[in-house]
C-alpha cells in the first residue's frame, strides 16, 4: 500500500516536470493563437503557471529576470526537492 502511494506521488511530480518542459519547448514554436496545438499550450500554461509565477518573482528579486526565463529550471528543482521530502516523510512515518 505504501509503495503505491509513493509511486503515485513520484508519478504526479514527474507529470508536472514533463508539463513544465513541454511548456518551455512549445513556447519556442507557438506564435499564433489558433489551432489545436495552441489550445493544448494554453491548457499547459494554466496548469504550470501557479508553479512558475513564484519562481519568476524569486528570480526577479535577485535581478535574474531577463530575456531568458530561468523559472522552469527553478521550478523543476523545487518540485524535485518537494517530491523527495514528501517521499522521505512517508517512509519515516510508515516504517
PDB file of N, CA and C in Angstrom:
ATOM      1  N   UNK A   1       0.817  -1.197   0.000  1.00  0.00           N
ATOM      2  CA  UNK A   1       0.000   0.000   0.000  1.00  0.00           C
ATOM      3  C   UNK A   1       0.865   1.267   0.000  1.00  0.00           C
ATOM      4  N   UNK A   2       1.929   1.215   0.806  1.00  0.00           N
ATOM      5  CA  UNK A   2       2.808   2.377   0.911  1.00  0.00           C
ATOM      6  C   UNK A   2       3.545   2.613  -0.405  1.00  0.00           C
ATOM      7  N   UNK A   3       3.942   1.519  -1.035  1.00  0.00           N
ATOM      8  CA  UNK A   3       4.661   1.654  -2.302  1.00  0.00           C
ATOM      9  C   UNK A   3       3.765   2.240  -3.392  1.00  0.00           C
ATOM     10  N   UNK A   4       2.487   1.939  -3.324  1.00  0.00           N
ATOM     11  CA  UNK A   4       1.544   2.513  -4.289  1.00  0.00           C
ATOM     12  C   UNK A   4       1.434   4.018  -4.073  1.00  0.00           C
ATOM     13  N   UNK A   5       1.377   4.452  -2.821  1.00  0.00           N
ATOM     14  CA  UNK A   5       1.305   5.878  -2.506  1.00  0.00           C
ATOM     15  C   UNK A   5       2.579   6.606  -2.949  1.00  0.00           C
ATOM     16  N   UNK A   6       3.726   6.025  -2.659  1.00  0.00           N
ATOM     17  CA  UNK A   6       4.998   6.629  -3.061  1.00  0.00           C
ATOM     18  C   UNK A   6       5.095   6.691  -4.584  1.00  0.00           C
ATOM     19  N   UNK A   7       4.674   5.627  -5.250  1.00  0.00           N
ATOM     20  CA  UNK A   7       4.693   5.609  -6.709  1.00  0.00           C
ATOM     21  C   UNK A   7       3.744   6.658  -7.284  1.00  0.00           C
ATOM     22  N   UNK A   8       2.586   6.841  -6.673  1.00  0.00           N
ATOM     23  CA  UNK A   8       1.632   7.850  -7.139  1.00  0.00           C
ATOM     24  C   UNK A   8       2.201   9.255  -6.972  1.00  0.00           C
ATOM     25  N   UNK A   9       2.863   9.509  -5.866  1.00  0.00           N
ATOM     26  CA  UNK A   9       3.476  10.818  -5.630  1.00  0.00           C
ATOM     27  C   UNK A   9       4.575  11.071  -6.648  1.00  0.00           C
ATOM     28  N   UNK A  10       5.436  10.070  -6.865  1.00  0.00           N
ATOM     29  CA  UNK A  10       6.509  10.221  -7.855  1.00  0.00           C
ATOM     30  C   UNK A  10       5.948  10.464  -9.253  1.00  0.00           C
ATOM     31  N   UNK A  11       4.901   9.741  -9.614  1.00  0.00           N
ATOM     32  CA  UNK A  11       4.287   9.913 -10.932  1.00  0.00           C
ATOM     33  C   UNK A  11       3.685  11.297 -11.082  1.00  0.00           C
ATOM     34  N   UNK A  12       3.012  11.787 -10.050  1.00  0.00           N
ATOM     35  CA  UNK A  12       2.422  13.126 -10.079  1.00  0.00           C
ATOM     36  C   UNK A  12       3.485  14.192 -10.331  1.00  0.00           C
ATOM     37  N   UNK A  13       4.586  14.118  -9.597  1.00  0.00           N
ATOM     38  CA  UNK A  13       5.637  15.109  -9.771  1.00  0.00           C
ATOM     39  C   UNK A  13       6.344  14.967 -11.117  1.00  0.00           C
ATOM     40  N   UNK A  14       6.465  13.737 -11.611  1.00  0.00           N
ATOM     41  CA  UNK A  14       7.037  13.538 -12.938  1.00  0.00           C
ATOM     42  C   UNK A  14       6.176  14.179 -14.016  1.00  0.00           C
ATOM     43  N   UNK A  15       4.878  14.036 -13.894  1.00  0.00           N
ATOM     44  CA  UNK A  15       3.960  14.650 -14.860  1.00  0.00           C
ATOM     45  C   UNK A  15       4.097  16.168 -14.824  1.00  0.00           C
ATOM     46  N   UNK A  16       4.212  16.740 -13.629  1.00  0.00           N
ATOM     47  CA  UNK A  16       4.391  18.186 -13.523  1.00  0.00           C
ATOM     48  C   UNK A  16       5.688  18.640 -14.190  1.00  0.00           C
ATOM     49  N   UNK A  17       6.753  17.891 -14.000  1.00  0.00           N
ATOM     50  CA  UNK A  17       8.034  18.237 -14.625  1.00  0.00           C
ATOM     51  C   UNK A  17       7.919  18.158 -16.143  1.00  0.00           C
ATOM     52  N   UNK A  18       7.258  17.105 -16.649  1.00  0.00           N
ATOM     53  CA  UNK A  18       7.079  16.972 -18.098  1.00  0.00           C
ATOM     54  C   UNK A  18       6.224  18.105 -18.663  1.00  0.00           C
ATOM     55  N   UNK A  19       5.223  18.540 -17.911  1.00  0.00           N
ATOM     56  CA  UNK A  19       4.399  19.661 -18.365  1.00  0.00           C
ATOM     57  C   UNK A  19       5.203  20.959 -18.427  1.00  0.00           C
ATOM     58  N   UNK A  20       6.067  21.175 -17.456  1.00  0.00           N
ATOM     59  CA  UNK A  20       6.916  22.366 -17.472  1.00  0.00           C
ATOM     60  C   UNK A  20       7.874  22.320 -18.654  1.00  0.00           C
ATOM     61  N   UNK A  21       8.450  21.153 -18.910  1.00  0.00           N
ATOM     62  CA  UNK A  21       9.346  21.021 -20.062  1.00  0.00           C
ATOM     63  C   UNK A  21       8.592  21.214 -21.370  1.00  0.00           C
ATOM     64  N   UNK A  22       7.379  20.675 -21.453  1.00  0.00           N
ATOM     65  CA  UNK A  22       6.573  20.845 -22.668  1.00  0.00           C
ATOM     66  C   UNK A  22       6.237  22.313 -22.880  1.00  0.00           C
ATOM     67  N   UNK A  23       5.934  23.011 -21.810  1.00  0.00           N
ATOM     68  CA  UNK A  23       5.638  24.443 -21.934  1.00  0.00           C
ATOM     69  C   UNK A  23       6.857  25.209 -22.442  1.00  0.00           C
ATOM     70  N   UNK A  24       8.020  24.874 -21.920  1.00  0.00           N
ATOM     71  CA  UNK A  24       9.228  25.569 -22.350  1.00  0.00           C
ATOM     72  C   UNK A  24       9.511  25.322 -23.827  1.00  0.00           C
ATOM     73  N   UNK A  25       9.363  24.096 -24.267  1.00  0.00           N
ATOM     74  CA  UNK A  25       9.633  23.774 -25.670  1.00  0.00           C
ATOM     75  C   UNK A  25       8.569  24.382 -26.572  1.00  0.00           C
ATOM     76  N   UNK A  26       7.311  24.269 -26.188  1.00  0.00           N
ATOM     77  CA  UNK A  26       6.242  24.819 -27.021  1.00  0.00           C
ATOM     78  C   UNK A  26       6.305  26.336 -27.117  1.00  0.00           C
ATOM     79  N   UNK A  27       6.841  26.989 -26.096  1.00  0.00           N
ATOM     80  CA  UNK A  27       6.920  28.446 -26.144  1.00  0.00           C
ATOM     81  C   UNK A  27       7.853  28.920 -27.250  1.00  0.00           C
ATOM     82  N   UNK A  28       8.752  28.071 -27.696  1.00  0.00           N
ATOM     83  CA  UNK A  28       9.640  28.443 -28.796  1.00  0.00           C
ATOM     84  C   UNK A  28       8.921  28.408 -30.136  1.00  0.00           C
ATOM     85  N   UNK A  29       7.877  27.583 -30.246  1.00  0.00           N
ATOM     86  CA  UNK A  29       7.249  27.346 -31.538  1.00  0.00           C
ATOM     87  C   UNK A  29       5.861  27.957 -31.698  1.00  0.00           C
ATOM     88  N   UNK A  30       5.117  28.135 -30.621  1.00  0.00           N
ATOM     89  CA  UNK A  30       3.751  28.644 -30.709  1.00  0.00           C
ATOM     90  C   UNK A  30       3.801  30.163 -30.825  1.00  0.00           C
ATOM     91  N   UNK A  31       3.282  30.688 -31.909  1.00  0.00           N
ATOM     92  CA  UNK A  31       3.261  32.134 -32.101  1.00  0.00           C
ATOM     93  C   UNK A  31       1.862  32.663 -32.396  1.00  0.00           C
ATOM     94  N   UNK A  32       1.030  31.903 -33.059  1.00  0.00           N
ATOM     95  CA  UNK A  32      -0.295  32.380 -33.445  1.00  0.00           C
ATOM     96  C   UNK A  32      -1.363  31.697 -32.601  1.00  0.00           C
ATOM     97  N   UNK A  33      -2.354  32.456 -32.122  1.00  0.00           N
ATOM     98  CA  UNK A  33      -3.389  31.879 -31.253  1.00  0.00           C
ATOM     99  C   UNK A  33      -4.482  31.152 -32.027  1.00  0.00           C
ATOM    100  N   UNK A  34      -4.131  30.115 -32.703  1.00  0.00           N
ATOM    101  CA  UNK A  34      -5.137  29.319 -33.397  1.00  0.00           C
ATOM    102  C   UNK A  34      -4.620  27.890 -33.525  1.00  0.00           C
ATOM    103  N   UNK A  35      -5.532  26.983 -33.744  1.00  0.00           N
ATOM    104  CA  UNK A  35      -5.178  25.589 -33.937  1.00  0.00           C
ATOM    105  C   UNK A  35      -5.274  24.774 -32.662  1.00  0.00           C
ATOM    106  N   UNK A  36      -5.214  23.482 -32.828  1.00  0.00           N
ATOM    107  CA  UNK A  36      -5.361  22.574 -31.692  1.00  0.00           C
ATOM    108  C   UNK A  36      -4.119  22.570 -30.815  1.00  0.00           C
ATOM    109  N   UNK A  37      -2.944  22.786 -31.378  1.00  0.00           N
ATOM    110  CA  UNK A  37      -1.730  22.818 -30.572  1.00  0.00           C
ATOM    111  C   UNK A  37      -1.737  24.020 -29.636  1.00  0.00           C
ATOM    112  N   UNK A  38      -2.277  25.131 -30.085  1.00  0.00           N
ATOM    113  CA  UNK A  38      -2.359  26.311 -29.235  1.00  0.00           C
ATOM    114  C   UNK A  38      -3.285  26.063 -28.048  1.00  0.00           C
ATOM    115  N   UNK A  39      -4.371  25.333 -28.273  1.00  0.00           N
ATOM    116  CA  UNK A  39      -5.280  25.009 -27.170  1.00  0.00           C
ATOM    117  C   UNK A  39      -4.580  24.142 -26.126  1.00  0.00           C
ATOM    118  N   UNK A  40      -3.774  23.211 -26.582  1.00  0.00           N
ATOM    119  CA  UNK A  40      -3.005  22.374 -25.652  1.00  0.00           C
ATOM    120  C   UNK A  40      -1.991  23.228 -24.899  1.00  0.00           C
ATOM    121  N   UNK A  41      -1.354  24.144 -25.617  1.00  0.00           N
ATOM    122  CA  UNK A  41      -0.373  25.034 -24.992  1.00  0.00           C
ATOM    123  C   UNK A  41      -1.024  25.902 -23.918  1.00  0.00           C
ATOM    124  N   UNK A  42      -2.204  26.409 -24.183  1.00  0.00           N
ATOM    125  CA  UNK A  42      -2.918  27.231 -23.198  1.00  0.00           C
ATOM    126  C   UNK A  42      -3.274  26.398 -21.972  1.00  0.00           C
ATOM    127  N   UNK A  43      -3.695  25.159 -22.188  1.00  0.00           N
ATOM    128  CA  UNK A  43      -4.023  24.273 -21.068  1.00  0.00           C
ATOM    129  C   UNK A  43      -2.774  24.009 -20.218  1.00  0.00           C
ATOM    130  N   UNK A  44      -1.641  23.753 -20.876  1.00  0.00           N
ATOM    131  CA  UNK A  44      -0.388  23.526 -20.150  1.00  0.00           C
ATOM    132  C   UNK A  44       0.021  24.785 -19.400  1.00  0.00           C
ATOM    133  N   UNK A  45      -0.194  25.953 -20.004  1.00  0.00           N
ATOM    134  CA  UNK A  45       0.125  27.212 -19.326  1.00  0.00           C
ATOM    135  C   UNK A  45      -0.714  27.390 -18.061  1.00  0.00           C
ATOM    136  N   UNK A  46      -1.995  27.066 -18.141  1.00  0.00           N
ATOM    137  CA  UNK A  46      -2.868  27.208 -16.984  1.00  0.00           C
ATOM    138  C   UNK A  46      -2.476  26.258 -15.857  1.00  0.00           C
ATOM    139  N   UNK A  47      -1.976  25.095 -16.196  1.00  0.00           N
ATOM    140  CA  UNK A  47      -1.572  24.129 -15.173  1.00  0.00           C
ATOM    141  C   UNK A  47      -0.246  24.526 -14.533  1.00  0.00           C
ATOM    142  N   UNK A  48       0.689  25.000 -15.345  1.00  0.00           N
ATOM    143  CA  UNK A  48       2.044  25.253 -14.841  1.00  0.00           C
ATOM    144  C   UNK A  48       2.273  26.665 -14.310  1.00  0.00           C
ATOM    145  N   UNK A  49       1.438  27.601 -14.659  1.00  0.00           N
ATOM    146  CA  UNK A  49       1.658  28.989 -14.231  1.00  0.00           C
ATOM    147  C   UNK A  49       1.681  29.164 -12.710  1.00  0.00           C
ATOM    148  N   UNK A  50       0.834  28.471 -11.940  1.00  0.00           N
ATOM    149  CA  UNK A  50       0.936  28.636 -10.482  1.00  0.00           C
ATOM    150  C   UNK A  50       2.280  28.187  -9.906  1.00  0.00           C
ATOM    151  N   UNK A  51       3.012  27.351 -10.613  1.00  0.00           N
ATOM    152  CA  UNK A  51       4.337  26.934 -10.150  1.00  0.00           C
ATOM    153  C   UNK A  51       5.434  27.867 -10.655  1.00  0.00           C
ATOM    154  N   UNK A  52       5.241  28.420 -11.846  1.00  0.00           N
ATOM    155  CA  UNK A  52       6.292  29.237 -12.447  1.00  0.00           C
ATOM    156  C   UNK A  52       6.261  30.694 -12.002  1.00  0.00           C
ATOM    157  N   UNK A  53       5.092  31.232 -11.693  1.00  0.00           N
ATOM    158  CA  UNK A  53       4.994  32.641 -11.294  1.00  0.00           C
ATOM    159  C   UNK A  53       5.789  32.952 -10.021  1.00  0.00           C
ATOM    160  N   UNK A  54       5.689  32.138  -8.961  1.00  0.00           N
ATOM    161  CA  UNK A  54       6.523  32.429  -7.777  1.00  0.00           C
ATOM    162  C   UNK A  54       8.022  32.321  -8.070  1.00  0.00           C
ATOM    163  N   UNK A  55       8.386  31.398  -8.961  1.00  0.00           N
ATOM    164  CA  UNK A  55       9.794  31.264  -9.324  1.00  0.00           C
ATOM    165  C   UNK A  55      10.283  32.501 -10.067  1.00  0.00           C
ATOM    166  N   UNK A  56       9.439  33.055 -10.921  1.00  0.00           N
ATOM    167  CA  UNK A  56       9.801  34.293 -11.621  1.00  0.00           C
ATOM    168  C   UNK A  56       9.984  35.437 -10.634  1.00  0.00           C
ATOM    169  N   UNK A  57       9.112  35.506  -9.626  1.00  0.00           N
ATOM    170  CA  UNK A  57       9.240  36.560  -8.604  1.00  0.00           C
ATOM    171  C   UNK A  57      10.534  36.421  -7.821  1.00  0.00           C
ATOM    172  N   UNK A  58      10.903  35.195  -7.484  1.00  0.00           N
ATOM    173  CA  UNK A  58      12.157  34.967  -6.754  1.00  0.00           C
ATOM    174  C   UNK A  58      13.347  35.386  -7.605  1.00  0.00           C
ATOM    175  N   UNK A  59      13.325  34.985  -8.875  1.00  0.00           N
ATOM    176  CA  UNK A  59      14.434  35.352  -9.764  1.00  0.00           C
ATOM    177  C   UNK A  59      14.502  36.862  -9.985  1.00  0.00           C
ATOM    178  N   UNK A  60      13.350  37.532 -10.031  1.00  0.00           N
ATOM    179  CA  UNK A  60      13.335  38.987 -10.216  1.00  0.00           C
ATOM    180  C   UNK A  60      13.923  39.701  -9.007  1.00  0.00           C
ATOM    181  N   UNK A  61      13.697  39.164  -7.818  1.00  0.00           N
ATOM    182  CA  UNK A  61      14.265  39.783  -6.614  1.00  0.00           C
ATOM    183  C   UNK A  61      15.787  39.766  -6.626  1.00  0.00           C
ATOM    184  N   UNK A  62      16.351  38.726  -7.228  1.00  0.00           N
ATOM    185  CA  UNK A  62      17.808  38.626  -7.295  1.00  0.00           C
ATOM    186  C   UNK A  62      18.381  39.216  -8.581  1.00  0.00           C
ATOM    187  N   UNK A  63      17.524  39.875  -9.355  1.00  0.00           N
ATOM    188  CA  UNK A  63      17.982  40.532 -10.569  1.00  0.00           C
ATOM    189  C   UNK A  63      18.266  39.593 -11.722  1.00  0.00           C
ATOM    190  N   UNK A  64      17.668  38.413 -11.697  1.00  0.00           N
ATOM    191  CA  UNK A  64      17.918  37.425 -12.748  1.00  0.00           C
ATOM    192  C   UNK A  64      16.793  37.349 -13.765  1.00  0.00           C
ATOM    193  N   UNK A  65      15.891  38.309 -13.743  1.00  0.00           N
ATOM    194  CA  UNK A  65      14.814  38.342 -14.729  1.00  0.00           C
ATOM    195  C   UNK A  65      15.337  39.053 -15.966  1.00  0.00           C
ATOM    196  N   UNK A  66      15.251  38.371 -17.071  1.00  0.00           N
ATOM    197  CA  UNK A  66      15.758  38.955 -18.306  1.00  0.00           C
ATOM    198  C   UNK A  66      15.083  38.325 -19.499  1.00  0.00           C
ATOM    199  N   UNK A  67      15.805  38.295 -20.586  1.00  0.00           N
ATOM    200  CA  UNK A  67      15.218  37.759 -21.812  1.00  0.00           C
ATOM    201  C   UNK A  67      15.080  36.244 -21.759  1.00  0.00           C
ATOM    202  N   UNK A  68      15.944  35.570 -21.019  1.00  0.00           N
ATOM    203  CA  UNK A  68      15.848  34.123 -20.865  1.00  0.00           C
ATOM    204  C   UNK A  68      15.151  33.832 -19.548  1.00  0.00           C
ATOM    205  N   UNK A  69      14.102  33.018 -19.617  1.00  0.00           N
ATOM    206  CA  UNK A  69      13.311  32.691 -18.434  1.00  0.00           C
ATOM    207  C   UNK A  69      13.881  31.439 -17.774  1.00  0.00           C
ATOM    208  N   UNK A  70      14.475  31.624 -16.605  1.00  0.00           N
ATOM    209  CA  UNK A  70      15.047  30.508 -15.866  1.00  0.00           C
ATOM    210  C   UNK A  70      14.069  29.918 -14.848  1.00  0.00           C
ATOM    211  N   UNK A  71      12.845  30.414 -14.813  1.00  0.00           N
ATOM    212  CA  UNK A  71      11.885  29.918 -13.835  1.00  0.00           C
ATOM    213  C   UNK A  71      11.539  28.441 -14.021  1.00  0.00           C
ATOM    214  N   UNK A  72      11.504  27.871 -15.237  1.00  0.00           N
ATOM    215  CA  UNK A  72      11.263  26.426 -15.322  1.00  0.00           C
ATOM    216  C   UNK A  72      12.347  25.592 -14.636  1.00  0.00           C
ATOM    217  N   UNK A  73      13.592  26.039 -14.727  1.00  0.00           N
ATOM    218  CA  UNK A  73      14.678  25.307 -14.073  1.00  0.00           C
ATOM    219  C   UNK A  73      14.496  25.349 -12.560  1.00  0.00           C
ATOM    220  N   UNK A  74      14.195  26.527 -12.036  1.00  0.00           N
ATOM    221  CA  UNK A  74      13.981  26.677 -10.599  1.00  0.00           C
ATOM    222  C   UNK A  74      12.769  25.876 -10.145  1.00  0.00           C
ATOM    223  N   UNK A  75      11.706  25.870 -10.944  1.00  0.00           N
ATOM    224  CA  UNK A  75      10.505  25.115 -10.591  1.00  0.00           C
ATOM    225  C   UNK A  75      10.772  23.613 -10.582  1.00  0.00           C
ATOM    226  N   UNK A  76      11.535  23.133 -11.548  1.00  0.00           N
ATOM    227  CA  UNK A  76      11.848  21.700 -11.596  1.00  0.00           C
ATOM    228  C   UNK A  76      12.707  21.302 -10.399  1.00  0.00           C
ATOM    229  N   UNK A  77      13.661  22.137 -10.040  1.00  0.00           N
ATOM    230  CA  UNK A  77      14.481  21.853  -8.850  1.00  0.00           C
ATOM    231  C   UNK A  77      13.608  21.855  -7.604  1.00  0.00           C
ATOM    232  N   UNK A  78      12.714  22.842  -7.491  1.00  0.00           N
ATOM    233  CA  UNK A  78      11.811  22.905  -6.335  1.00  0.00           C
ATOM    234  C   UNK A  78      10.880  21.711  -6.261  1.00  0.00           C
ATOM    235  N   UNK A  79      10.340  21.290  -7.394  1.00  0.00           N
ATOM    236  CA  UNK A  79       9.464  20.117  -7.411  1.00  0.00           C
ATOM    237  C   UNK A  79      10.222  18.852  -7.022  1.00  0.00           C
ATOM    238  N   UNK A  80      11.457  18.733  -7.454  1.00  0.00           N
ATOM    239  CA  UNK A  80      12.263  17.570  -7.082  1.00  0.00           C
ATOM    240  C   UNK A  80      12.530  17.535  -5.583  1.00  0.00           C
ATOM    241  N   UNK A  81      12.804  18.699  -5.017  1.00  0.00           N
ATOM    242  CA  UNK A  81      13.047  18.774  -3.569  1.00  0.00           C
ATOM    243  C   UNK A  81      11.770  18.429  -2.799  1.00  0.00           C
ATOM    244  N   UNK A  82      10.650  18.988  -3.208  1.00  0.00           N
ATOM    245  CA  UNK A  82       9.377  18.712  -2.534  1.00  0.00           C
ATOM    246  C   UNK A  82       9.014  17.242  -2.657  1.00  0.00           C
ATOM    247  N   UNK A  83       9.250  16.658  -3.829  1.00  0.00           N
ATOM    248  CA  UNK A  83       8.965  15.245  -4.038  1.00  0.00           C
ATOM    249  C   UNK A  83       9.788  14.378  -3.085  1.00  0.00           C
ATOM    250  N   UNK A  84      11.072  14.640  -2.998  1.00  0.00           N
ATOM    251  CA  UNK A  84      11.914  13.818  -2.124  1.00  0.00           C
ATOM    252  C   UNK A  84      11.559  14.010  -0.655  1.00  0.00           C
ATOM    253  N   UNK A  85      11.196  15.230  -0.270  1.00  0.00           N
ATOM    254  CA  UNK A  85      10.790  15.469   1.120  1.00  0.00           C
ATOM    255  C   UNK A  85       9.518  14.690   1.446  1.00  0.00           C
ATOM    256  N   UNK A  86       8.517  14.746   0.559  1.00  0.00           N
ATOM    257  CA  UNK A  86       7.270  14.018   0.799  1.00  0.00           C
ATOM    258  C   UNK A  86       7.498  12.517   0.893  1.00  0.00           C
ATOM    259  N   UNK A  87       8.293  11.981  -0.015  1.00  0.00           N
ATOM    260  CA  UNK A  87       8.555  10.545  -0.015  1.00  0.00           C
ATOM    261  C   UNK A  87       9.304  10.148   1.255  1.00  0.00           C
ATOM    262  N   UNK A  88      10.270  10.947   1.675  1.00  0.00           N
ATOM    263  CA  UNK A  88      11.005  10.632   2.898  1.00  0.00           C
ATOM    264  C   UNK A  88      10.125  10.734   4.135  1.00  0.00           C
ATOM    265  N   UNK A  89       9.223  11.703   4.167  1.00  0.00           N
ATOM    266  CA  UNK A  89       8.297  11.810   5.301  1.00  0.00           C
ATOM    267  C   UNK A  89       7.398  10.581   5.369  1.00  0.00           C
ATOM    268  N   UNK A  90       6.913  10.146   4.231  1.00  0.00           N
ATOM    269  CA  UNK A  90       6.061   8.948   4.211  1.00  0.00           C
ATOM    270  C   UNK A  90       6.855   7.733   4.672  1.00  0.00           C
ATOM    271  N   UNK A  91       8.067   7.592   4.202  1.00  0.00           N
ATOM    272  CA  UNK A  91       8.896   6.441   4.613  1.00  0.00           C
ATOM    273  C   UNK A  91       9.213   6.472   6.107  1.00  0.00           C
ATOM    274  N   UNK A  92       9.470   7.651   6.654  1.00  0.00           N
ATOM    275  CA  UNK A  92       9.821   7.760   8.072  1.00  0.00           C
ATOM    276  C   UNK A  92       8.621   7.408   8.954  1.00  0.00           C
ATOM    277  N   UNK A  93       7.439   7.951   8.628  1.00  0.00           N
ATOM    278  CA  UNK A  93       6.292   7.739   9.487  1.00  0.00           C
ATOM    279  C   UNK A  93       5.639   6.377   9.309  1.00  0.00           C
ATOM    280  N   UNK A  94       5.873   5.734   8.196  1.00  0.00           N
ATOM    281  CA  UNK A  94       5.246   4.433   7.974  1.00  0.00           C
ATOM    282  C   UNK A  94       6.149   3.302   8.464  1.00  0.00           C
ATOM    283  N   UNK A  95       7.451   3.447   8.262  1.00  0.00           N
ATOM    284  CA  UNK A  95       8.354   2.352   8.638  1.00  0.00           C
ATOM    285  C   UNK A  95       8.976   2.605   9.941  1.00  0.00           C
TER     286      UNK A  95
END
